[in-house]
PDB file of N, CA and C in Angstrom:
ATOM      1  N   MET A   1      -2.085  -9.479 -10.793  1.00  0.00           N
ATOM      2  CA  MET A   1      -1.440  -9.743  -9.514  1.00  0.00           C
ATOM      3  C   MET A   1      -2.431 -10.479  -8.624  1.00  0.00           C
ATOM      4  N   ASN A   2      -1.977 -11.574  -8.048  1.00  0.00           N
ATOM      5  CA  ASN A   2      -2.829 -12.335  -7.137  1.00  0.00           C
ATOM      6  C   ASN A   2      -2.461 -11.992  -5.683  1.00  0.00           C
ATOM      7  N   ALA A   3      -3.165 -12.598  -4.744  1.00  0.00           N
ATOM      8  CA  ALA A   3      -2.973 -12.283  -3.322  1.00  0.00           C
ATOM      9  C   ALA A   3      -1.559 -12.602  -2.850  1.00  0.00           C
ATOM     10  N   ALA A   4      -1.001 -13.726  -3.284  1.00  0.00           N
ATOM     11  CA  ALA A   4       0.357 -14.093  -2.860  1.00  0.00           C
ATOM     12  C   ALA A   4       1.375 -13.091  -3.382  1.00  0.00           C
ATOM     13  N   ALA A   5       1.218 -12.665  -4.632  1.00  0.00           N
ATOM     14  CA  ALA A   5       2.143 -11.677  -5.207  1.00  0.00           C
ATOM     15  C   ALA A   5       1.985 -10.327  -4.512  1.00  0.00           C
ATOM     16  N   LEU A   6       0.764  -9.962  -4.161  1.00  0.00           N
ATOM     17  CA  LEU A   6       0.523  -8.712  -3.440  1.00  0.00           C
ATOM     18  C   LEU A   6       1.207  -8.753  -2.070  1.00  0.00           C
ATOM     19  N   ARG A   7       1.040  -9.837  -1.362  1.00  0.00           N
ATOM     20  CA  ARG A   7       1.679  -9.990  -0.051  1.00  0.00           C
ATOM     21  C   ARG A   7       3.208  -9.880  -0.193  1.00  0.00           C
ATOM     22  N   ARG A   8       3.775 -10.578  -1.183  1.00  0.00           N
ATOM     23  CA  ARG A   8       5.231 -10.511  -1.408  1.00  0.00           C
ATOM     24  C   ARG A   8       5.678  -9.088  -1.724  1.00  0.00           C
ATOM     25  N   ALA A   9       4.914  -8.381  -2.546  1.00  0.00           N
ATOM     26  CA  ALA A   9       5.266  -7.009  -2.909  1.00  0.00           C
ATOM     27  C   ALA A   9       5.282  -6.101  -1.682  1.00  0.00           C
ATOM     28  N   CYS A  10       4.347  -6.303  -0.785  1.00  0.00           N
ATOM     29  CA  CYS A  10       4.286  -5.468   0.427  1.00  0.00           C
ATOM     30  C   CYS A  10       5.401  -5.821   1.406  1.00  0.00           C
ATOM     31  N   LEU A  11       5.677  -7.104   1.550  1.00  0.00           N
ATOM     32  CA  LEU A  11       6.680  -7.539   2.532  1.00  0.00           C
ATOM     33  C   LEU A  11       8.113  -7.448   2.010  1.00  0.00           C
ATOM     34  N   ALA A  12       8.292  -7.075   0.749  1.00  0.00           N
ATOM     35  CA  ALA A  12       9.628  -6.988   0.157  1.00  0.00           C
ATOM     36  C   ALA A  12      10.424  -5.781   0.662  1.00  0.00           C
ATOM     37  N   HIS A  13       9.771  -4.873   1.342  1.00  0.00           N
ATOM     38  CA  HIS A  13      10.418  -3.639   1.792  1.00  0.00           C
ATOM     39  C   HIS A  13      11.024  -3.809   3.186  1.00  0.00           C
ATOM     40  N   ALA A  14      12.146  -3.147   3.394  1.00  0.00           N
ATOM     41  CA  ALA A  14      12.873  -3.240   4.667  1.00  0.00           C
ATOM     42  C   ALA A  14      11.960  -2.904   5.840  1.00  0.00           C
ATOM     43  N   GLY A  15      11.910  -3.794   6.814  1.00  0.00           N
ATOM     44  CA  GLY A  15      11.146  -3.563   8.034  1.00  0.00           C
ATOM     45  C   GLY A  15       9.649  -3.766   7.898  1.00  0.00           C
ATOM     46  N   ALA A  16       9.171  -4.167   6.728  1.00  0.00           N
ATOM     47  CA  ALA A  16       7.730  -4.348   6.528  1.00  0.00           C
ATOM     48  C   ALA A  16       7.249  -5.599   7.254  1.00  0.00           C
ATOM     49  N   VAL A  17       6.094  -5.479   7.896  1.00  0.00           N
ATOM     50  CA  VAL A  17       5.472  -6.598   8.598  1.00  0.00           C
ATOM     51  C   VAL A  17       3.983  -6.630   8.263  1.00  0.00           C
ATOM     52  N   GLU A  18       3.401  -7.807   8.400  1.00  0.00           N
ATOM     53  CA  GLU A  18       1.962  -7.984   8.198  1.00  0.00           C
ATOM     54  C   GLU A  18       1.313  -8.107   9.569  1.00  0.00           C
ATOM     55  N   ASP A  19       0.225  -7.383   9.754  1.00  0.00           N
ATOM     56  CA  ASP A  19      -0.476  -7.355  11.029  1.00  0.00           C
ATOM     57  C   ASP A  19      -1.975  -7.506  10.744  1.00  0.00           C
ATOM     58  N   PHE A  20      -2.745  -7.811  11.766  1.00  0.00           N
ATOM     59  CA  PHE A  20      -4.179  -8.032  11.600  1.00  0.00           C
ATOM     60  C   PHE A  20      -4.980  -7.276  12.667  1.00  0.00           C
ATOM     61  N   PRO A  21      -4.804  -5.950  12.789  1.00  0.00           N
ATOM     62  CA  PRO A  21      -5.497  -5.204  13.842  1.00  0.00           C
ATOM     63  C   PRO A  21      -7.007  -5.094  13.633  1.00  0.00           C
ATOM     64  N   PHE A  22      -7.485  -5.312  12.409  1.00  0.00           N
ATOM     65  CA  PHE A  22      -8.911  -5.195  12.108  1.00  0.00           C
ATOM     66  C   PHE A  22      -9.590  -6.556  11.993  1.00  0.00           C
ATOM     67  N   GLY A  23      -8.891  -7.606  12.396  1.00  0.00           N
ATOM     68  CA  GLY A  23      -9.437  -8.951  12.304  1.00  0.00           C
ATOM     69  C   GLY A  23      -8.657  -9.783  11.306  1.00  0.00           C
ATOM     70  N   PRO A  24      -8.888 -11.095  11.323  1.00  0.00           N
ATOM     71  CA  PRO A  24      -8.082 -12.007  10.510  1.00  0.00           C
ATOM     72  C   PRO A  24      -8.301 -11.872   9.006  1.00  0.00           C
ATOM     73  N   GLU A  25      -9.353 -11.213   8.589  1.00  0.00           N
ATOM     74  CA  GLU A  25      -9.633 -11.112   7.162  1.00  0.00           C
ATOM     75  C   GLU A  25      -8.916  -9.948   6.475  1.00  0.00           C
ATOM     76  N   THR A  26      -8.331  -9.036   7.227  1.00  0.00           N
ATOM     77  CA  THR A  26      -7.687  -7.862   6.631  1.00  0.00           C
ATOM     78  C   THR A  26      -6.215  -7.813   6.996  1.00  0.00           C
ATOM     79  N   SER A  27      -5.371  -7.958   5.983  1.00  0.00           N
ATOM     80  CA  SER A  27      -3.921  -7.838   6.173  1.00  0.00           C
ATOM     81  C   SER A  27      -3.545  -6.367   6.139  1.00  0.00           C
ATOM     82  N   VAL A  28      -2.848  -5.933   7.170  1.00  0.00           N
ATOM     83  CA  VAL A  28      -2.353  -4.562   7.244  1.00  0.00           C
ATOM     84  C   VAL A  28      -0.833  -4.638   7.207  1.00  0.00           C
ATOM     85  N   PHE A  29      -0.239  -3.948   6.253  1.00  0.00           N
ATOM     86  CA  PHE A  29       1.208  -3.957   6.094  1.00  0.00           C
ATOM     87  C   PHE A  29       1.751  -2.661   6.672  1.00  0.00           C
ATOM     88  N   LYS A  30       2.719  -2.823   7.591  1.00  0.00           N
ATOM     89  CA  LYS A  30       3.248  -1.687   8.337  1.00  0.00           C
ATOM     90  C   LYS A  30       4.757  -1.649   8.269  1.00  0.00           C
ATOM     91  N   VAL A  31       5.286  -0.461   8.490  1.00  0.00           N
ATOM     92  CA  VAL A  31       6.708  -0.264   8.689  1.00  0.00           C
ATOM     93  C   VAL A  31       6.841   0.644   9.912  1.00  0.00           C
ATOM     94  N   ALA A  32       7.657   0.240  10.858  1.00  0.00           N
ATOM     95  CA  ALA A  32       7.851   0.996  12.105  1.00  0.00           C
ATOM     96  C   ALA A  32       6.506   1.318  12.766  1.00  0.00           C
ATOM     97  N   GLY A  33       5.564   0.376  12.694  1.00  0.00           N
ATOM     98  CA  GLY A  33       4.271   0.545  13.342  1.00  0.00           C
ATOM     99  C   GLY A  33       3.277   1.399  12.577  1.00  0.00           C
ATOM    100  N   LYS A  34       3.649   1.878  11.403  1.00  0.00           N
ATOM    101  CA  LYS A  34       2.777   2.750  10.600  1.00  0.00           C
ATOM    102  C   LYS A  34       2.292   2.004   9.361  1.00  0.00           C
ATOM    103  N   MET A  35       1.016   2.109   9.076  1.00  0.00           N
ATOM    104  CA  MET A  35       0.407   1.406   7.959  1.00  0.00           C
ATOM    105  C   MET A  35       0.789   2.047   6.625  1.00  0.00           C
ATOM    106  N   PHE A  36       1.177   1.196   5.645  1.00  0.00           N
ATOM    107  CA  PHE A  36       1.408   1.699   4.291  1.00  0.00           C
ATOM    108  C   PHE A  36       0.553   0.983   3.245  1.00  0.00           C
ATOM    109  N   ALA A  37      -0.077  -0.132   3.612  1.00  0.00           N
ATOM    110  CA  ALA A  37      -0.983  -0.829   2.693  1.00  0.00           C
ATOM    111  C   ALA A  37      -1.915  -1.732   3.489  1.00  0.00           C
ATOM    112  N   LEU A  38      -3.105  -1.959   2.944  1.00  0.00           N
ATOM    113  CA  LEU A  38      -3.996  -2.923   3.561  1.00  0.00           C
ATOM    114  C   LEU A  38      -4.862  -3.571   2.494  1.00  0.00           C
ATOM    115  N   SER A  39      -5.203  -4.838   2.753  1.00  0.00           N
ATOM    116  CA  SER A  39      -5.975  -5.603   1.785  1.00  0.00           C
ATOM    117  C   SER A  39      -6.671  -6.774   2.465  1.00  0.00           C
ATOM    118  N   ALA A  40      -7.875  -7.050   2.000  1.00  0.00           N
ATOM    119  CA  ALA A  40      -8.554  -8.300   2.361  1.00  0.00           C
ATOM    120  C   ALA A  40      -8.123  -9.302   1.293  1.00  0.00           C
ATOM    121  N   LEU A  41      -7.079 -10.062   1.568  1.00  0.00           N
ATOM    122  CA  LEU A  41      -6.431 -10.892   0.563  1.00  0.00           C
ATOM    123  C   LEU A  41      -7.318 -12.018   0.030  1.00  0.00           C
ATOM    124  N   ASP A  42      -8.376 -12.354   0.735  1.00  0.00           N
ATOM    125  CA  ASP A  42      -9.283 -13.413   0.281  1.00  0.00           C
ATOM    126  C   ASP A  42     -10.471 -12.876  -0.518  1.00  0.00           C
ATOM    127  N   ARG A  43     -10.596 -11.573  -0.603  1.00  0.00           N
ATOM    128  CA  ARG A  43     -11.752 -10.967  -1.259  1.00  0.00           C
ATOM    129  C   ARG A  43     -11.604 -11.007  -2.781  1.00  0.00           C
ATOM    130  N   VAL A  44     -12.734 -11.155  -3.463  1.00  0.00           N
ATOM    131  CA  VAL A  44     -12.761 -11.111  -4.917  1.00  0.00           C
ATOM    132  C   VAL A  44     -13.741 -10.013  -5.321  1.00  0.00           C
ATOM    133  N   PRO A  45     -13.348  -9.026  -6.093  1.00  0.00           N
ATOM    134  CA  PRO A  45     -12.000  -8.896  -6.648  1.00  0.00           C
ATOM    135  C   PRO A  45     -11.020  -8.414  -5.581  1.00  0.00           C
ATOM    136  N   LEU A  46      -9.777  -8.780  -5.765  1.00  0.00           N
ATOM    137  CA  LEU A  46      -8.707  -8.370  -4.861  1.00  0.00           C
ATOM    138  C   LEU A  46      -8.484  -6.872  -4.994  1.00  0.00           C
ATOM    139  N   ALA A  47      -8.252  -6.211  -3.876  1.00  0.00           N
ATOM    140  CA  ALA A  47      -7.979  -4.776  -3.873  1.00  0.00           C
ATOM    141  C   ALA A  47      -6.948  -4.496  -2.794  1.00  0.00           C
ATOM    142  N   VAL A  48      -6.230  -3.396  -2.964  1.00  0.00           N
ATOM    143  CA  VAL A  48      -5.265  -2.956  -1.969  1.00  0.00           C
ATOM    144  C   VAL A  48      -5.385  -1.446  -1.831  1.00  0.00           C
ATOM    145  N   SER A  49      -5.290  -0.966  -0.607  1.00  0.00           N
ATOM    146  CA  SER A  49      -5.300   0.471  -0.354  1.00  0.00           C
ATOM    147  C   SER A  49      -3.888   0.907  -0.011  1.00  0.00           C
ATOM    148  N   VAL A  50      -3.471   2.022  -0.627  1.00  0.00           N
ATOM    149  CA  VAL A  50      -2.116   2.542  -0.431  1.00  0.00           C
ATOM    150  C   VAL A  50      -2.163   4.046  -0.220  1.00  0.00           C
ATOM    151  N   LYS A  51      -1.181   4.537   0.498  1.00  0.00           N
ATOM    152  CA  LYS A  51      -1.034   5.963   0.740  1.00  0.00           C
ATOM    153  C   LYS A  51      -0.472   6.606  -0.521  1.00  0.00           C
ATOM    154  N   CYS A  52      -0.839   7.869  -0.768  1.00  0.00           N
ATOM    155  CA  CYS A  52      -0.426   8.524  -2.000  1.00  0.00           C
ATOM    156  C   CYS A  52      -0.388  10.037  -1.793  1.00  0.00           C
ATOM    157  N   GLU A  53       0.522  10.708  -2.499  1.00  0.00           N
ATOM    158  CA  GLU A  53       0.523  12.181  -2.497  1.00  0.00           C
ATOM    159  C   GLU A  53      -0.836  12.644  -3.018  1.00  0.00           C
ATOM    160  N   PRO A  54      -1.464  13.642  -2.391  1.00  0.00           N
ATOM    161  CA  PRO A  54      -2.823  14.040  -2.782  1.00  0.00           C
ATOM    162  C   PRO A  54      -2.999  14.372  -4.271  1.00  0.00           C
ATOM    163  N   GLU A  55      -2.071  15.115  -4.855  1.00  0.00           N
ATOM    164  CA  GLU A  55      -2.217  15.489  -6.264  1.00  0.00           C
ATOM    165  C   GLU A  55      -2.091  14.264  -7.172  1.00  0.00           C
ATOM    166  N   LEU A  56      -1.130  13.400  -6.872  1.00  0.00           N
ATOM    167  CA  LEU A  56      -0.956  12.181  -7.648  1.00  0.00           C
ATOM    168  C   LEU A  56      -2.166  11.268  -7.481  1.00  0.00           C
ATOM    169  N   ALA A  57      -2.712  11.201  -6.272  1.00  0.00           N
ATOM    170  CA  ALA A  57      -3.887  10.368  -6.012  1.00  0.00           C
ATOM    171  C   ALA A  57      -5.030  10.767  -6.946  1.00  0.00           C
ATOM    172  N   GLU A  58      -5.269  12.055  -7.079  1.00  0.00           N
ATOM    173  CA  GLU A  58      -6.337  12.530  -7.958  1.00  0.00           C
ATOM    174  C   GLU A  58      -6.040  12.219  -9.420  1.00  0.00           C
ATOM    175  N   ASP A  59      -4.797  12.412  -9.845  1.00  0.00           N
ATOM    176  CA  ASP A  59      -4.423  12.111 -11.232  1.00  0.00           C
ATOM    177  C   ASP A  59      -4.616  10.634 -11.540  1.00  0.00           C
ATOM    178  N   LEU A  60      -4.218   9.771 -10.606  1.00  0.00           N
ATOM    179  CA  LEU A  60      -4.365   8.329 -10.817  1.00  0.00           C
ATOM    180  C   LEU A  60      -5.834   7.938 -10.926  1.00  0.00           C
ATOM    181  N   ARG A  61      -6.669   8.530 -10.088  1.00  0.00           N
ATOM    182  CA  ARG A  61      -8.110   8.227 -10.129  1.00  0.00           C
ATOM    183  C   ARG A  61      -8.727   8.656 -11.451  1.00  0.00           C
ATOM    184  N   ALA A  62      -8.266   9.800 -11.971  1.00  0.00           N
ATOM    185  CA  ALA A  62      -8.792  10.302 -13.239  1.00  0.00           C
ATOM    186  C   ALA A  62      -8.322   9.458 -14.421  1.00  0.00           C
ATOM    187  N   SER A  63      -7.179   8.812 -14.282  1.00  0.00           N
ATOM    188  CA  SER A  63      -6.577   8.064 -15.383  1.00  0.00           C
ATOM    189  C   SER A  63      -6.936   6.583 -15.408  1.00  0.00           C
ATOM    190  N   HIS A  64      -7.339   6.031 -14.261  1.00  0.00           N
ATOM    191  CA  HIS A  64      -7.552   4.583 -14.159  1.00  0.00           C
ATOM    192  C   HIS A  64      -8.859   4.285 -13.422  1.00  0.00           C
ATOM    193  N   ALA A  65      -9.751   3.580 -14.086  1.00  0.00           N
ATOM    194  CA  ALA A  65     -11.027   3.219 -13.462  1.00  0.00           C
ATOM    195  C   ALA A  65     -10.837   2.307 -12.255  1.00  0.00           C
ATOM    196  N   ALA A  66      -9.731   1.565 -12.207  1.00  0.00           N
ATOM    197  CA  ALA A  66      -9.481   0.625 -11.109  1.00  0.00           C
ATOM    198  C   ALA A  66      -8.921   1.305  -9.863  1.00  0.00           C
ATOM    199  N   ILE A  67      -8.678   2.603  -9.937  1.00  0.00           N
ATOM    200  CA  ILE A  67      -8.152   3.341  -8.785  1.00  0.00           C
ATOM    201  C   ILE A  67      -9.210   4.341  -8.343  1.00  0.00           C
ATOM    202  N   ARG A  68      -9.563   4.254  -7.064  1.00  0.00           N
ATOM    203  CA  ARG A  68     -10.605   5.133  -6.514  1.00  0.00           C
ATOM    204  C   ARG A  68     -10.170   5.632  -5.136  1.00  0.00           C
ATOM    205  N   PRO A  69     -10.888   6.601  -4.586  1.00  0.00           N
ATOM    206  CA  PRO A  69     -10.524   7.097  -3.247  1.00  0.00           C
ATOM    207  C   PRO A  69     -10.496   5.966  -2.227  1.00  0.00           C
ATOM    208  N   GLY A  70      -9.614   6.089  -1.258  1.00  0.00           N
ATOM    209  CA  GLY A  70      -9.429   5.052  -0.244  1.00  0.00           C
ATOM    210  C   GLY A  70     -10.710   4.676   0.466  1.00  0.00           C
ATOM    211  N   TYR A  71     -10.987   3.382   0.477  1.00  0.00           N
ATOM    212  CA  TYR A  71     -12.184   2.851   1.128  1.00  0.00           C
ATOM    213  C   TYR A  71     -11.998   2.889   2.645  1.00  0.00           C
ATOM    214  N   HIS A  72     -12.854   3.622   3.341  1.00  0.00           N
ATOM    215  CA  HIS A  72     -12.801   3.790   4.800  1.00  0.00           C
ATOM    216  C   HIS A  72     -11.479   4.408   5.262  1.00  0.00           C
ATOM    217  N   LEU A  73     -10.872   5.233   4.421  1.00  0.00           N
ATOM    218  CA  LEU A  73      -9.604   5.893   4.751  1.00  0.00           C
ATOM    219  C   LEU A  73      -9.704   7.363   4.360  1.00  0.00           C
ATOM    220  N   ASN A  74      -8.715   8.140   4.746  1.00  0.00           N
ATOM    221  CA  ASN A  74      -8.660   9.539   4.349  1.00  0.00           C
ATOM    222  C   ASN A  74      -8.548   9.596   2.829  1.00  0.00           C
ATOM    223  N   LYS A  75      -9.584  10.034   2.175  1.00  0.00           N
ATOM    224  CA  LYS A  75      -9.654   9.978   0.721  1.00  0.00           C
ATOM    225  C   LYS A  75      -8.696  10.945   0.040  1.00  0.00           C
ATOM    226  N   ARG A  76      -8.186  11.893   0.755  1.00  0.00           N
ATOM    227  CA  ARG A  76      -7.196  12.810   0.188  1.00  0.00           C
ATOM    228  C   ARG A  76      -5.836  12.127   0.063  1.00  0.00           C
ATOM    229  N   HIS A  77      -5.507  11.239   0.987  1.00  0.00           N
ATOM    230  CA  HIS A  77      -4.168  10.643   1.052  1.00  0.00           C
ATOM    231  C   HIS A  77      -4.112   9.151   0.713  1.00  0.00           C
ATOM    232  N   TRP A  78      -5.250   8.517   0.480  1.00  0.00           N
ATOM    233  CA  TRP A  78      -5.263   7.069   0.243  1.00  0.00           C
ATOM    234  C   TRP A  78      -6.070   6.738  -1.007  1.00  0.00           C
ATOM    235  N   ASN A  79      -5.575   5.780  -1.760  1.00  0.00           N
ATOM    236  CA  ASN A  79      -6.292   5.227  -2.908  1.00  0.00           C
ATOM    237  C   ASN A  79      -6.525   3.743  -2.676  1.00  0.00           C
ATOM    238  N   THR A  80      -7.643   3.241  -3.165  1.00  0.00           N
ATOM    239  CA  THR A  80      -7.903   1.809  -3.188  1.00  0.00           C
ATOM    240  C   THR A  80      -7.828   1.368  -4.645  1.00  0.00           C
ATOM    241  N   ILE A  81      -7.013   0.347  -4.878  1.00  0.00           N
ATOM    242  CA  ILE A  81      -6.744  -0.147  -6.221  1.00  0.00           C
ATOM    243  C   ILE A  81      -7.379  -1.523  -6.368  1.00  0.00           C
ATOM    244  N   THR A  82      -8.264  -1.667  -7.325  1.00  0.00           N
ATOM    245  CA  THR A  82      -8.846  -2.975  -7.628  1.00  0.00           C
ATOM    246  C   THR A  82      -7.902  -3.695  -8.587  1.00  0.00           C
ATOM    247  N   LEU A  83      -7.487  -4.880  -8.202  1.00  0.00           N
ATOM    248  CA  LEU A  83      -6.537  -5.654  -9.001  1.00  0.00           C
ATOM    249  C   LEU A  83      -7.317  -6.582  -9.932  1.00  0.00           C
ATOM    250  N   ASP A  84      -7.885  -5.969 -10.961  1.00  0.00           N
ATOM    251  CA  ASP A  84      -8.742  -6.688 -11.905  1.00  0.00           C
ATOM    252  C   ASP A  84      -8.042  -7.009 -13.217  1.00  0.00           C
ATOM    253  N   GLY A  85      -6.737  -6.775 -13.268  1.00  0.00           N
ATOM    254  CA  GLY A  85      -5.982  -7.036 -14.482  1.00  0.00           C
ATOM    255  C   GLY A  85      -5.869  -5.842 -15.407  1.00  0.00           C
ATOM    256  N   SER A  86      -6.559  -4.755 -15.097  1.00  0.00           N
ATOM    257  CA  SER A  86      -6.512  -3.581 -15.967  1.00  0.00           C
ATOM    258  C   SER A  86      -5.258  -2.732 -15.747  1.00  0.00           C
ATOM    259  N   LEU A  87      -4.567  -2.949 -14.642  1.00  0.00           N
ATOM    260  CA  LEU A  87      -3.332  -2.217 -14.346  1.00  0.00           C
ATOM    261  C   LEU A  87      -2.152  -3.173 -14.417  1.00  0.00           C
ATOM    262  N   ALA A  88      -1.042  -2.682 -14.909  1.00  0.00           N
ATOM    263  CA  ALA A  88       0.173  -3.491 -14.960  1.00  0.00           C
ATOM    264  C   ALA A  88       0.648  -3.779 -13.537  1.00  0.00           C
ATOM    265  N   ASP A  89       1.141  -4.988 -13.317  1.00  0.00           N
ATOM    266  CA  ASP A  89       1.677  -5.349 -12.002  1.00  0.00           C
ATOM    267  C   ASP A  89       2.777  -4.390 -11.579  1.00  0.00           C
ATOM    268  N   ALA A  90       3.586  -3.936 -12.536  1.00  0.00           N
ATOM    269  CA  ALA A  90       4.674  -3.005 -12.216  1.00  0.00           C
ATOM    270  C   ALA A  90       4.123  -1.701 -11.636  1.00  0.00           C
ATOM    271  N   LEU A  91       2.998  -1.210 -12.163  1.00  0.00           N
ATOM    272  CA  LEU A  91       2.388   0.005 -11.622  1.00  0.00           C
ATOM    273  C   LEU A  91       1.917  -0.235 -10.196  1.00  0.00           C
ATOM    274  N   VAL A  92       1.291  -1.368  -9.949  1.00  0.00           N
ATOM    275  CA  VAL A  92       0.814  -1.681  -8.596  1.00  0.00           C
ATOM    276  C   VAL A  92       1.999  -1.752  -7.634  1.00  0.00           C
ATOM    277  N   ARG A  93       3.072  -2.423  -8.037  1.00  0.00           N
ATOM    278  CA  ARG A  93       4.272  -2.500  -7.183  1.00  0.00           C
ATOM    279  C   ARG A  93       4.847  -1.109  -6.935  1.00  0.00           C
ATOM    280  N   ASP A  94       4.860  -0.252  -7.954  1.00  0.00           N
ATOM    281  CA  ASP A  94       5.355   1.119  -7.790  1.00  0.00           C
ATOM    282  C   ASP A  94       4.501   1.904  -6.804  1.00  0.00           C
ATOM    283  N   LEU A  95       3.195   1.731  -6.861  1.00  0.00           N
ATOM    284  CA  LEU A  95       2.305   2.451  -5.944  1.00  0.00           C
ATOM    285  C   LEU A  95       2.482   1.955  -4.511  1.00  0.00           C
ATOM    286  N   ILE A  96       2.719   0.667  -4.338  1.00  0.00           N
ATOM    287  CA  ILE A  96       3.008   0.130  -3.002  1.00  0.00           C
ATOM    288  C   ILE A  96       4.323   0.704  -2.496  1.00  0.00           C
ATOM    289  N   GLU A  97       5.338   0.736  -3.363  1.00  0.00           N
ATOM    290  CA  GLU A  97       6.637   1.291  -2.975  1.00  0.00           C
ATOM    291  C   GLU A  97       6.522   2.774  -2.636  1.00  0.00           C
ATOM    292  N   ASP A  98       5.759   3.525  -3.417  1.00  0.00           N
ATOM    293  CA  ASP A  98       5.556   4.943  -3.131  1.00  0.00           C
ATOM    294  C   ASP A  98       4.891   5.132  -1.769  1.00  0.00           C
ATOM    295  N   SER A  99       3.905   4.287  -1.460  1.00  0.00           N
ATOM    296  CA  SER A  99       3.224   4.356  -0.175  1.00  0.00           C
ATOM    297  C   SER A  99       4.203   4.094   0.965  1.00  0.00           C
ATOM    298  N   TYR A 100       4.994   3.039   0.814  1.00  0.00           N
ATOM    299  CA  TYR A 100       6.021   2.696   1.805  1.00  0.00           C
ATOM    300  C   TYR A 100       6.965   3.886   1.993  1.00  0.00           C
ATOM    301  N   ASP A 101       7.446   4.464   0.882  1.00  0.00           N
ATOM    302  CA  ASP A 101       8.384   5.585   0.951  1.00  0.00           C
ATOM    303  C   ASP A 101       7.773   6.806   1.644  1.00  0.00           C
ATOM    304  N   LEU A 102       6.482   7.063   1.398  1.00  0.00           N
ATOM    305  CA  LEU A 102       5.811   8.180   2.078  1.00  0.00           C
ATOM    306  C   LEU A 102       5.791   7.969   3.586  1.00  0.00           C
ATOM    307  N   VAL A 103       5.483   6.756   4.000  1.00  0.00           N
ATOM    308  CA  VAL A 103       5.424   6.460   5.437  1.00  0.00           C
ATOM    309  C   VAL A 103       6.827   6.547   6.041  1.00  0.00           C
ATOM    310  N   VAL A 104       7.803   5.950   5.384  1.00  0.00           N
ATOM    311  CA  VAL A 104       9.181   5.997   5.899  1.00  0.00           C
ATOM    312  C   VAL A 104       9.671   7.448   5.958  1.00  0.00           C
ATOM    313  N   GLY A 105       9.320   8.244   4.962  1.00  0.00           N
ATOM    314  CA  GLY A 105       9.728   9.651   4.950  1.00  0.00           C
ATOM    315  C   GLY A 105       9.186  10.448   6.124  1.00  0.00           C
ATOM    316  N   GLY A 106       8.093   9.999   6.696  1.00  0.00           N
ATOM    317  CA  GLY A 106       7.502  10.679   7.851  1.00  0.00           C
ATOM    318  C   GLY A 106       8.000  10.178   9.194  1.00  0.00           C
ATOM    319  N   LEU A 107       8.874   9.179   9.168  1.00  0.00           N
ATOM    320  CA  LEU A 107       9.407   8.636  10.418  1.00  0.00           C
ATOM    321  C   LEU A 107      10.522   9.517  10.959  1.00  0.00           C
ATOM    322  N   PRO A 108      10.787   9.435  12.259  1.00  0.00           N
ATOM    323  CA  PRO A 108      11.935  10.146  12.815  1.00  0.00           C
ATOM    324  C   PRO A 108      13.230   9.695  12.130  1.00  0.00           C
ATOM    325  N   LYS A 109      14.206  10.579  12.092  1.00  0.00           N
ATOM    326  CA  LYS A 109      15.463  10.323  11.389  1.00  0.00           C
ATOM    327  C   LYS A 109      16.109   9.003  11.823  1.00  0.00           C
ATOM    328  N   ARG A 110      16.142   8.741  13.093  1.00  0.00           N
ATOM    329  CA  ARG A 110      16.775   7.512  13.595  1.00  0.00           C
ATOM    330  C   ARG A 110      16.079   6.264  13.045  1.00  0.00           C
ATOM    331  N   ALA A 111      14.750   6.287  12.997  1.00  0.00           N
ATOM    332  CA  ALA A 111      13.999   5.139  12.470  1.00  0.00           C
ATOM    333  C   ALA A 111      14.257   4.973  10.975  1.00  0.00           C
ATOM    334  N   ARG A 112      14.323   6.095  10.232  1.00  0.00           N
ATOM    335  CA  ARG A 112      14.623   6.016   8.791  1.00  0.00           C
ATOM    336  C   ARG A 112      16.007   5.424   8.556  1.00  0.00           C
ATOM    337  N   GLU A 113      16.976   5.877   9.330  1.00  0.00           N
ATOM    338  CA  GLU A 113      18.346   5.375   9.175  1.00  0.00           C
ATOM    339  C   GLU A 113      18.435   3.889   9.504  1.00  0.00           C
ATOM    340  N   ALA A 114      17.713   3.447  10.513  1.00  0.00           N
ATOM    341  CA  ALA A 114      17.712   2.029  10.870  1.00  0.00           C
ATOM    342  C   ALA A 114      17.161   1.187   9.723  1.00  0.00           C
ATOM    343  N   LEU A 115      16.132   1.691   9.032  1.00  0.00           N
ATOM    344  CA  LEU A 115      15.576   0.960   7.892  1.00  0.00           C
ATOM    345  C   LEU A 115      16.559   0.934   6.733  1.00  0.00           C
ATOM    346  N   LEU A 116      17.266   2.011   6.510  1.00  0.00           N
ATOM    347  CA  LEU A 116      18.265   2.060   5.429  1.00  0.00           C
ATOM    348  C   LEU A 116      19.369   1.045   5.680  1.00  0.00           C
ATOM    349  N   ASP A 117      19.729   0.839   6.937  1.00  0.00           N
ATOM    350  CA  ASP A 117      20.762  -0.128   7.279  1.00  0.00           C
ATOM    351  C   ASP A 117      20.317  -1.556   6.989  1.00  0.00           C
ATOM    352  N   ARG A 118      19.008  -1.793   6.932  1.00  0.00           N
ATOM    353  CA  ARG A 118      18.456  -3.136   6.708  1.00  0.00           C
ATOM    354  C   ARG A 118      18.363  -3.499   5.228  1.00  0.00           C
ATOM    355  N   ARG A 119      18.539  -2.498   4.352  1.00  0.00           N
ATOM    356  CA  ARG A 119      18.407  -2.746   2.910  1.00  0.00           C
ATOM    357  C   ARG A 119      19.590  -3.451   2.364  1.00  0.00           C
TER     358      ARG A 119
END
């Protein structure tokens, strides 16, 4: 997965937007103002950080060398994934979708319903 495909995967979700609160070099992908992914899209190797259920986060780290605790994030709830070709693109897209779903699941009911209407 390259930077353009990563950006498309993040922005493919209802209400997803790209923001740059940490400067122009770091893309932060949000839904309803809440972050679900972030990446320095120009960095080599490319990496993306995503939110994850704590137990699954640990299992993924144990199973894949390219997945490690979230860089500069809550390491219990975030993983950083190095996109070095060792993981299938489908897995990366699934982890982005899971992160998005976790964030949406924590939104107030009205905000969740508004996003469902946009799908």
